[in-house]
């Protein structure tokens, strides 16, 4: 559910660009809130990243201390889950984590929309993770990675392979629907509270709770992604 007023939609309408409620063309789809607000998040992250590396010093101070602490903490946590072999996947995990976290938080602000409150956004993030899981499996184990889907003995392959394929496809549903459901539910409740009692600060407790749940959902998504990567990297499947 969207907020009653979306600032980007109003801006586009002022520029003479109509934003359809139901997209019928590719251009209409690009104007949907989950797309336009995703670009807002991307632009915000690029700007913050540029500011963070603009004046790097050998002896960190101020904001550099904070960013180094956050990045180092995430990296060390990931290595603890995936092992040293998974270090090179850190940029992907960090990018997904920051994008999802900022997307979750954006919907808490009145007039803005969480891209992760749309199943298309969460599905795209989940698809990236699952595809990279199998890329890692092939990278570390070569063609032998296929044996993971065939079972311990060849005559069990017709039974094991469909189960394994369904299990891996279900990871996309698990990652995407869990994140989408929680953020969409939060958007729905906030929208109702703003409509019914916005002038009486009734939405404030829900907004504060949204800050906590937004972080938890981003953390869970990244943790599950790390575990999938670790499973693809390790030798014993």
C-alpha atoms as a PDB file:
ATOM      1  CA  UNK A   1       0.000   0.000   0.000  1.00  0.00           C
ATOM      2  CA  UNK A   2       1.342   3.447  -0.956  1.00  0.00           C
ATOM      3  CA  UNK A   3       1.272   6.566   1.170  1.00  0.00           C
ATOM      4  CA  UNK A   4      -1.598   8.936   0.304  1.00  0.00           C
ATOM      5  CA  UNK A   5       0.908  11.361  -1.283  1.00  0.00           C
ATOM      6  CA  UNK A   6       4.072  10.313  -3.096  1.00  0.00           C
ATOM      7  CA  UNK A   7       6.451  13.221  -3.686  1.00  0.00           C
ATOM      8  CA  UNK A   8       8.058  11.840  -6.854  1.00  0.00           C
ATOM      9  CA  UNK A   9       4.642  11.182  -8.376  1.00  0.00           C
ATOM     10  CA  UNK A  10       3.626  14.774  -7.630  1.00  0.00           C
ATOM     11  CA  UNK A  11       6.877  16.047  -9.156  1.00  0.00           C
ATOM     12  CA  UNK A  12       6.362  13.991 -12.311  1.00  0.00           C
ATOM     13  CA  UNK A  13       2.762  15.195 -12.582  1.00  0.00           C
ATOM     14  CA  UNK A  14       3.972  18.820 -12.306  1.00  0.00           C
ATOM     15  CA  UNK A  15       6.391  18.107 -15.152  1.00  0.00           C
ATOM     16  CA  UNK A  16       3.497  16.871 -17.243  1.00  0.00           C
ATOM     17  CA  UNK A  17       4.355  13.171 -16.924  1.00  0.00           C
ATOM     18  CA  UNK A  18       1.352  11.044 -16.049  1.00  0.00           C
ATOM     19  CA  UNK A  19       2.036   8.133 -13.710  1.00  0.00           C
ATOM     20  CA  UNK A  20      -0.549   5.402 -14.417  1.00  0.00           C
ATOM     21  CA  UNK A  21      -1.866   3.326 -11.543  1.00  0.00           C
ATOM     22  CA  UNK A  22      -1.633   0.197 -13.710  1.00  0.00           C
ATOM     23  CA  UNK A  23       1.317   0.001 -16.137  1.00  0.00           C
ATOM     24  CA  UNK A  24       0.522  -1.063 -19.700  1.00  0.00           C
ATOM     25  CA  UNK A  25       3.765  -0.191 -21.455  1.00  0.00           C
ATOM     26  CA  UNK A  26       7.450  -0.430 -20.599  1.00  0.00           C
ATOM     27  CA  UNK A  27       7.566   3.343 -20.005  1.00  0.00           C
ATOM     28  CA  UNK A  28       4.606   3.095 -17.627  1.00  0.00           C
ATOM     29  CA  UNK A  29       6.424   0.378 -15.709  1.00  0.00           C
ATOM     30  CA  UNK A  30       9.543   2.546 -15.331  1.00  0.00           C
ATOM     31  CA  UNK A  31       7.389   5.239 -13.702  1.00  0.00           C
ATOM     32  CA  UNK A  32       6.038   2.952 -10.996  1.00  0.00           C
ATOM     33  CA  UNK A  33       6.967   3.933  -7.409  1.00  0.00           C
ATOM     34  CA  UNK A  34       9.095   0.864  -6.699  1.00  0.00           C
ATOM     35  CA  UNK A  35      11.276   1.779  -9.701  1.00  0.00           C
ATOM     36  CA  UNK A  36      11.538   5.542  -9.171  1.00  0.00           C
ATOM     37  CA  UNK A  37      12.202   5.229  -5.452  1.00  0.00           C
ATOM     38  CA  UNK A  38      14.759   2.483  -6.072  1.00  0.00           C
ATOM     39  CA  UNK A  39      16.666   5.011  -8.188  1.00  0.00           C
ATOM     40  CA  UNK A  40      16.430   7.443  -5.274  1.00  0.00           C
ATOM     41  CA  UNK A  41      18.089   4.840  -3.040  1.00  0.00           C
ATOM     42  CA  UNK A  42      20.769   4.098  -5.627  1.00  0.00           C
ATOM     43  CA  UNK A  43      21.553   7.796  -6.063  1.00  0.00           C
ATOM     44  CA  UNK A  44      21.686   8.263  -2.280  1.00  0.00           C
ATOM     45  CA  UNK A  45      24.108   5.354  -1.837  1.00  0.00           C
ATOM     46  CA  UNK A  46      26.335   6.568  -4.681  1.00  0.00           C
ATOM     47  CA  UNK A  47      26.479  10.072  -3.190  1.00  0.00           C
ATOM     48  CA  UNK A  48      27.205   8.769   0.313  1.00  0.00           C
ATOM     49  CA  UNK A  49      29.888   6.447  -1.062  1.00  0.00           C
ATOM     50  CA  UNK A  50      31.523   9.301  -2.974  1.00  0.00           C
ATOM     51  CA  UNK A  51      31.487  11.504   0.118  1.00  0.00           C
ATOM     52  CA  UNK A  52      32.915   8.703   2.261  1.00  0.00           C
ATOM     53  CA  UNK A  53      35.950   8.157   0.013  1.00  0.00           C
ATOM     54  CA  UNK A  54      36.501  11.800  -0.934  1.00  0.00           C
ATOM     55  CA  UNK A  55      39.019  12.465   1.808  1.00  0.00           C
ATOM     56  CA  UNK A  56      40.419   9.169   3.051  1.00  0.00           C
ATOM     57  CA  UNK A  57      43.230   9.553   5.577  1.00  0.00           C
ATOM     58  CA  UNK A  58      45.792   7.093   6.838  1.00  0.00           C
ATOM     59  CA  UNK A  59      44.709   7.931  10.387  1.00  0.00           C
ATOM     60  CA  UNK A  60      40.890   7.809  10.215  1.00  0.00           C
ATOM     61  CA  UNK A  61      38.788  10.363  12.001  1.00  0.00           C
ATOM     62  CA  UNK A  62      35.173  11.517  12.124  1.00  0.00           C
ATOM     63  CA  UNK A  63      32.907   9.961   9.509  1.00  0.00           C
ATOM     64  CA  UNK A  64      35.723   7.803   8.142  1.00  0.00           C
ATOM     65  CA  UNK A  65      35.939   6.052  11.515  1.00  0.00           C
ATOM     66  CA  UNK A  66      32.237   5.235  11.382  1.00  0.00           C
ATOM     67  CA  UNK A  67      32.240   3.953   7.816  1.00  0.00           C
ATOM     68  CA  UNK A  68      35.356   1.836   8.374  1.00  0.00           C
ATOM     69  CA  UNK A  69      33.817   0.336  11.502  1.00  0.00           C
ATOM     70  CA  UNK A  70      30.596  -0.567   9.649  1.00  0.00           C
ATOM     71  CA  UNK A  71      32.320  -1.989   6.563  1.00  0.00           C
ATOM     72  CA  UNK A  72      34.904  -3.933   8.582  1.00  0.00           C
ATOM     73  CA  UNK A  73      32.208  -5.341  10.880  1.00  0.00           C
ATOM     74  CA  UNK A  74      30.108  -6.587   7.963  1.00  0.00           C
ATOM     75  CA  UNK A  75      33.143  -8.083   6.231  1.00  0.00           C
ATOM     76  CA  UNK A  76      34.361  -9.924   9.321  1.00  0.00           C
ATOM     77  CA  UNK A  77      30.864 -11.239  10.004  1.00  0.00           C
ATOM     78  CA  UNK A  78      30.604 -12.518   6.438  1.00  0.00           C
ATOM     79  CA  UNK A  79      33.991 -14.238   6.595  1.00  0.00           C
ATOM     80  CA  UNK A  80      32.862 -15.907   9.813  1.00  0.00           C
ATOM     81  CA  UNK A  81      29.922 -17.396   7.905  1.00  0.00           C
ATOM     82  CA  UNK A  82      31.415 -18.174   4.481  1.00  0.00           C
ATOM     83  CA  UNK A  83      35.072 -18.606   5.363  1.00  0.00           C
ATOM     84  CA  UNK A  84      37.999 -16.764   3.798  1.00  0.00           C
ATOM     85  CA  UNK A  85      37.022 -18.098   0.352  1.00  0.00           C
ATOM     86  CA  UNK A  86      33.875 -15.998   0.396  1.00  0.00           C
ATOM     87  CA  UNK A  87      35.613 -12.664   0.994  1.00  0.00           C
ATOM     88  CA  UNK A  88      35.420 -11.657  -2.669  1.00  0.00           C
ATOM     89  CA  UNK A  89      31.598 -11.780  -2.461  1.00  0.00           C
ATOM     90  CA  UNK A  90      31.581  -9.064   0.187  1.00  0.00           C
ATOM     91  CA  UNK A  91      30.851  -6.188  -2.272  1.00  0.00           C
ATOM     92  CA  UNK A  92      27.677  -7.960  -3.430  1.00  0.00           C
ATOM     93  CA  UNK A  93      26.447  -8.697   0.096  1.00  0.00           C
ATOM     94  CA  UNK A  94      27.236  -5.171   1.307  1.00  0.00           C
ATOM     95  CA  UNK A  95      25.531  -3.591  -1.714  1.00  0.00           C
ATOM     96  CA  UNK A  96      22.397  -5.675  -1.254  1.00  0.00           C
ATOM     97  CA  UNK A  97      22.402  -5.044   2.483  1.00  0.00           C
ATOM     98  CA  UNK A  98      22.665  -1.251   2.209  1.00  0.00           C
ATOM     99  CA  UNK A  99      20.134  -1.109  -0.634  1.00  0.00           C
ATOM    100  CA  UNK A 100      17.589  -3.203   1.276  1.00  0.00           C
ATOM    101  CA  UNK A 101      18.162  -1.354   4.553  1.00  0.00           C
ATOM    102  CA  UNK A 102      17.734   2.091   2.978  1.00  0.00           C
ATOM    103  CA  UNK A 103      14.724   0.865   0.994  1.00  0.00           C
ATOM    104  CA  UNK A 104      13.104  -0.429   4.169  1.00  0.00           C
ATOM    105  CA  UNK A 105      13.702   2.865   5.956  1.00  0.00           C
ATOM    106  CA  UNK A 106      12.539   5.060   3.080  1.00  0.00           C
ATOM    107  CA  UNK A 107       8.915   3.986   3.464  1.00  0.00           C
ATOM    108  CA  UNK A 108       8.872   5.173   7.068  1.00  0.00           C
ATOM    109  CA  UNK A 109       9.100   8.774   5.821  1.00  0.00           C
ATOM    110  CA  UNK A 110       5.692  10.191   4.863  1.00  0.00           C
ATOM    111  CA  UNK A 111       5.453  10.797   1.136  1.00  0.00           C
ATOM    112  CA  UNK A 112       8.045   8.166   0.264  1.00  0.00           C
ATOM    113  CA  UNK A 113       7.702   4.529  -0.758  1.00  0.00           C
ATOM    114  CA  UNK A 114       9.761   1.454   0.151  1.00  0.00           C
ATOM    115  CA  UNK A 115      10.948  -0.303  -3.029  1.00  0.00           C
ATOM    116  CA  UNK A 116      11.093  -3.496  -0.961  1.00  0.00           C
ATOM    117  CA  UNK A 117       7.331  -3.230  -0.364  1.00  0.00           C
ATOM    118  CA  UNK A 118       6.978  -4.455  -3.956  1.00  0.00           C
ATOM    119  CA  UNK A 119       7.525  -8.118  -4.791  1.00  0.00           C
ATOM    120  CA  UNK A 120       9.316  -7.250  -8.034  1.00  0.00           C
ATOM    121  CA  UNK A 121      12.134  -5.551  -6.118  1.00  0.00           C
ATOM    122  CA  UNK A 122      12.587  -8.284  -3.519  1.00  0.00           C
ATOM    123  CA  UNK A 123      12.286 -10.962  -6.209  1.00  0.00           C
ATOM    124  CA  UNK A 124      15.086  -9.334  -8.218  1.00  0.00           C
ATOM    125  CA  UNK A 125      17.363  -9.229  -5.154  1.00  0.00           C
ATOM    126  CA  UNK A 126      16.580 -12.864  -4.342  1.00  0.00           C
ATOM    127  CA  UNK A 127      17.203 -13.945  -7.937  1.00  0.00           C
ATOM    128  CA  UNK A 128      20.645 -12.317  -7.879  1.00  0.00           C
ATOM    129  CA  UNK A 129      21.545 -14.229  -4.710  1.00  0.00           C
ATOM    130  CA  UNK A 130      20.348 -17.622  -5.973  1.00  0.00           C
ATOM    131  CA  UNK A 131      22.048 -17.247  -9.363  1.00  0.00           C
ATOM    132  CA  UNK A 132      25.326 -16.218  -7.702  1.00  0.00           C
ATOM    133  CA  UNK A 133      25.041 -19.228  -5.387  1.00  0.00           C
ATOM    134  CA  UNK A 134      25.273 -21.576  -8.365  1.00  0.00           C
ATOM    135  CA  UNK A 135      27.962 -19.461 -10.033  1.00  0.00           C
ATOM    136  CA  UNK A 136      30.032 -19.944  -6.871  1.00  0.00           C
ATOM    137  CA  UNK A 137      29.340 -23.676  -6.884  1.00  0.00           C
ATOM    138  CA  UNK A 138      30.614 -24.034 -10.447  1.00  0.00           C
ATOM    139  CA  UNK A 139      33.557 -21.717  -9.758  1.00  0.00           C
ATOM    140  CA  UNK A 140      34.811 -23.739  -6.777  1.00  0.00           C
ATOM    141  CA  UNK A 141      33.843 -27.262  -7.863  1.00  0.00           C
ATOM    142  CA  UNK A 142      33.571 -27.171 -11.629  1.00  0.00           C
ATOM    143  CA  UNK A 143      31.264 -29.613 -13.359  1.00  0.00           C
ATOM    144  CA  UNK A 144      31.289 -31.782 -10.225  1.00  0.00           C
ATOM    145  CA  UNK A 145      28.911 -29.261  -8.676  1.00  0.00           C
ATOM    146  CA  UNK A 146      26.101 -30.929 -10.640  1.00  0.00           C
ATOM    147  CA  UNK A 147      26.518 -34.021  -8.453  1.00  0.00           C
ATOM    148  CA  UNK A 148      24.970 -31.963  -5.688  1.00  0.00           C
ATOM    149  CA  UNK A 149      21.652 -32.321  -7.523  1.00  0.00           C
ATOM    150  CA  UNK A 150      21.983 -36.037  -8.347  1.00  0.00           C
ATOM    151  CA  UNK A 151      22.052 -37.665  -4.934  1.00  0.00           C
ATOM    152  CA  UNK A 152      24.543 -40.116  -3.388  1.00  0.00           C
ATOM    153  CA  UNK A 153      23.906 -42.896  -5.962  1.00  0.00           C
ATOM    154  CA  UNK A 154      22.958 -42.626  -9.641  1.00  0.00           C
ATOM    155  CA  UNK A 155      19.708 -44.581  -9.409  1.00  0.00           C
ATOM    156  CA  UNK A 156      18.301 -42.003  -6.974  1.00  0.00           C
ATOM    157  CA  UNK A 157      18.831 -39.156  -9.460  1.00  0.00           C
ATOM    158  CA  UNK A 158      15.231 -39.159 -10.841  1.00  0.00           C
ATOM    159  CA  UNK A 159      13.981 -38.710  -7.263  1.00  0.00           C
ATOM    160  CA  UNK A 160      16.651 -36.411  -5.825  1.00  0.00           C
ATOM    161  CA  UNK A 161      17.101 -34.010  -8.755  1.00  0.00           C
ATOM    162  CA  UNK A 162      13.490 -32.675  -8.856  1.00  0.00           C
ATOM    163  CA  UNK A 163      13.570 -32.253  -5.077  1.00  0.00           C
ATOM    164  CA  UNK A 164      16.866 -30.336  -5.232  1.00  0.00           C
ATOM    165  CA  UNK A 165      15.659 -28.119  -8.090  1.00  0.00           C
ATOM    166  CA  UNK A 166      12.427 -27.277  -6.286  1.00  0.00           C
ATOM    167  CA  UNK A 167      14.387 -26.639  -3.087  1.00  0.00           C
ATOM    168  CA  UNK A 168      16.720 -24.164  -4.788  1.00  0.00           C
ATOM    169  CA  UNK A 169      13.876 -22.408  -6.602  1.00  0.00           C
ATOM    170  CA  UNK A 170      12.034 -22.104  -3.300  1.00  0.00           C
ATOM    171  CA  UNK A 171      14.948 -20.045  -2.005  1.00  0.00           C
ATOM    172  CA  UNK A 172      13.861 -17.266  -4.352  1.00  0.00           C
ATOM    173  CA  UNK A 173      10.351 -17.373  -2.902  1.00  0.00           C
ATOM    174  CA  UNK A 174      11.644 -17.594   0.654  1.00  0.00           C
ATOM    175  CA  UNK A 175      13.964 -14.594   0.369  1.00  0.00           C
ATOM    176  CA  UNK A 176      11.609 -12.400  -1.639  1.00  0.00           C
ATOM    177  CA  UNK A 177       8.257 -13.108   0.036  1.00  0.00           C
ATOM    178  CA  UNK A 178       9.651 -12.853   3.590  1.00  0.00           C
ATOM    179  CA  UNK A 179      11.120  -9.405   2.913  1.00  0.00           C
ATOM    180  CA  UNK A 180       8.187  -8.195   0.830  1.00  0.00           C
ATOM    181  CA  UNK A 181       5.570  -9.408   3.316  1.00  0.00           C
ATOM    182  CA  UNK A 182       7.126  -7.696   6.306  1.00  0.00           C
ATOM    183  CA  UNK A 183       7.768  -4.367   4.599  1.00  0.00           C
ATOM    184  CA  UNK A 184       4.423  -4.333   2.773  1.00  0.00           C
ATOM    185  CA  UNK A 185       2.623  -5.067   6.043  1.00  0.00           C
ATOM    186  CA  UNK A 186       4.455  -2.203   7.696  1.00  0.00           C
ATOM    187  CA  UNK A 187       3.512   0.119   4.807  1.00  0.00           C
ATOM    188  CA  UNK A 188      -0.098  -1.002   5.069  1.00  0.00           C
ATOM    189  CA  UNK A 189      -0.334  -0.299   8.793  1.00  0.00           C
ATOM    190  CA  UNK A 190       1.421   3.063   8.456  1.00  0.00           C
ATOM    191  CA  UNK A 191      -0.910   4.084   5.645  1.00  0.00           C
ATOM    192  CA  UNK A 192      -3.970   3.209   7.721  1.00  0.00           C
ATOM    193  CA  UNK A 193      -2.644   5.042  10.781  1.00  0.00           C
ATOM    194  CA  UNK A 194      -1.777   8.160   8.796  1.00  0.00           C
ATOM    195  CA  UNK A 195      -5.232   8.120   7.234  1.00  0.00           C
ATOM    196  CA  UNK A 196      -7.083   7.629  10.497  1.00  0.00           C
ATOM    197  CA  UNK A 197      -4.996   9.429  13.112  1.00  0.00           C
ATOM    198  CA  UNK A 198      -2.060  11.154  11.434  1.00  0.00           C
ATOM    199  CA  UNK A 199      -2.667  14.414  13.244  1.00  0.00           C
ATOM    200  CA  UNK A 200      -2.455  12.759  16.673  1.00  0.00           C
ATOM    201  CA  UNK A 201       1.008  11.165  16.318  1.00  0.00           C
ATOM    202  CA  UNK A 202      -0.507   7.678  16.436  1.00  0.00           C
ATOM    203  CA  UNK A 203       1.822   6.449  13.640  1.00  0.00           C
ATOM    204  CA  UNK A 204       4.989   7.418  15.577  1.00  0.00           C
ATOM    205  CA  UNK A 205       5.312   4.146  17.600  1.00  0.00           C
ATOM    206  CA  UNK A 206       4.831   2.153  14.396  1.00  0.00           C
ATOM    207  CA  UNK A 207       7.461   4.266  12.651  1.00  0.00           C
ATOM    208  CA  UNK A 208       9.942   3.572  15.460  1.00  0.00           C
ATOM    209  CA  UNK A 209       9.149  -0.135  15.267  1.00  0.00           C
ATOM    210  CA  UNK A 210       9.660   0.078  11.513  1.00  0.00           C
ATOM    211  CA  UNK A 211      13.241   1.233  12.064  1.00  0.00           C
ATOM    212  CA  UNK A 212      13.922  -1.917  14.074  1.00  0.00           C
ATOM    213  CA  UNK A 213      12.119  -4.354  11.775  1.00  0.00           C
ATOM    214  CA  UNK A 214      13.699  -2.745   8.709  1.00  0.00           C
ATOM    215  CA  UNK A 215      17.163  -3.508  10.070  1.00  0.00           C
ATOM    216  CA  UNK A 216      16.201  -7.047  11.101  1.00  0.00           C
ATOM    217  CA  UNK A 217      14.777  -7.858   7.666  1.00  0.00           C
ATOM    218  CA  UNK A 218      17.902  -6.566   5.902  1.00  0.00           C
ATOM    219  CA  UNK A 219      20.081  -8.576   8.300  1.00  0.00           C
ATOM    220  CA  UNK A 220      18.082 -11.784   7.763  1.00  0.00           C
ATOM    221  CA  UNK A 221      18.233 -11.421   3.976  1.00  0.00           C
ATOM    222  CA  UNK A 222      22.015 -10.950   4.050  1.00  0.00           C
ATOM    223  CA  UNK A 223      22.566 -13.742   6.581  1.00  0.00           C
ATOM    224  CA  UNK A 224      20.588 -16.259   4.505  1.00  0.00           C
ATOM    225  CA  UNK A 225      22.486 -15.139   1.403  1.00  0.00           C
ATOM    226  CA  UNK A 226      25.802 -15.728   3.163  1.00  0.00           C
ATOM    227  CA  UNK A 227      24.668 -19.187   4.239  1.00  0.00           C
ATOM    228  CA  UNK A 228      23.690 -20.059   0.658  1.00  0.00           C
ATOM    229  CA  UNK A 229      27.102 -18.871  -0.552  1.00  0.00           C
ATOM    230  CA  UNK A 230      28.862 -20.884   2.171  1.00  0.00           C
ATOM    231  CA  UNK A 231      26.925 -24.003   1.176  1.00  0.00           C
ATOM    232  CA  UNK A 232      28.008 -23.592  -2.454  1.00  0.00           C
ATOM    233  CA  UNK A 233      31.651 -22.970  -1.531  1.00  0.00           C
ATOM    234  CA  UNK A 234      32.233 -25.813   0.926  1.00  0.00           C
ATOM    235  CA  UNK A 235      33.480 -29.136  -0.456  1.00  0.00           C
ATOM    236  CA  UNK A 236      31.098 -31.464   1.403  1.00  0.00           C
ATOM    237  CA  UNK A 237      27.600 -31.099  -0.079  1.00  0.00           C
END
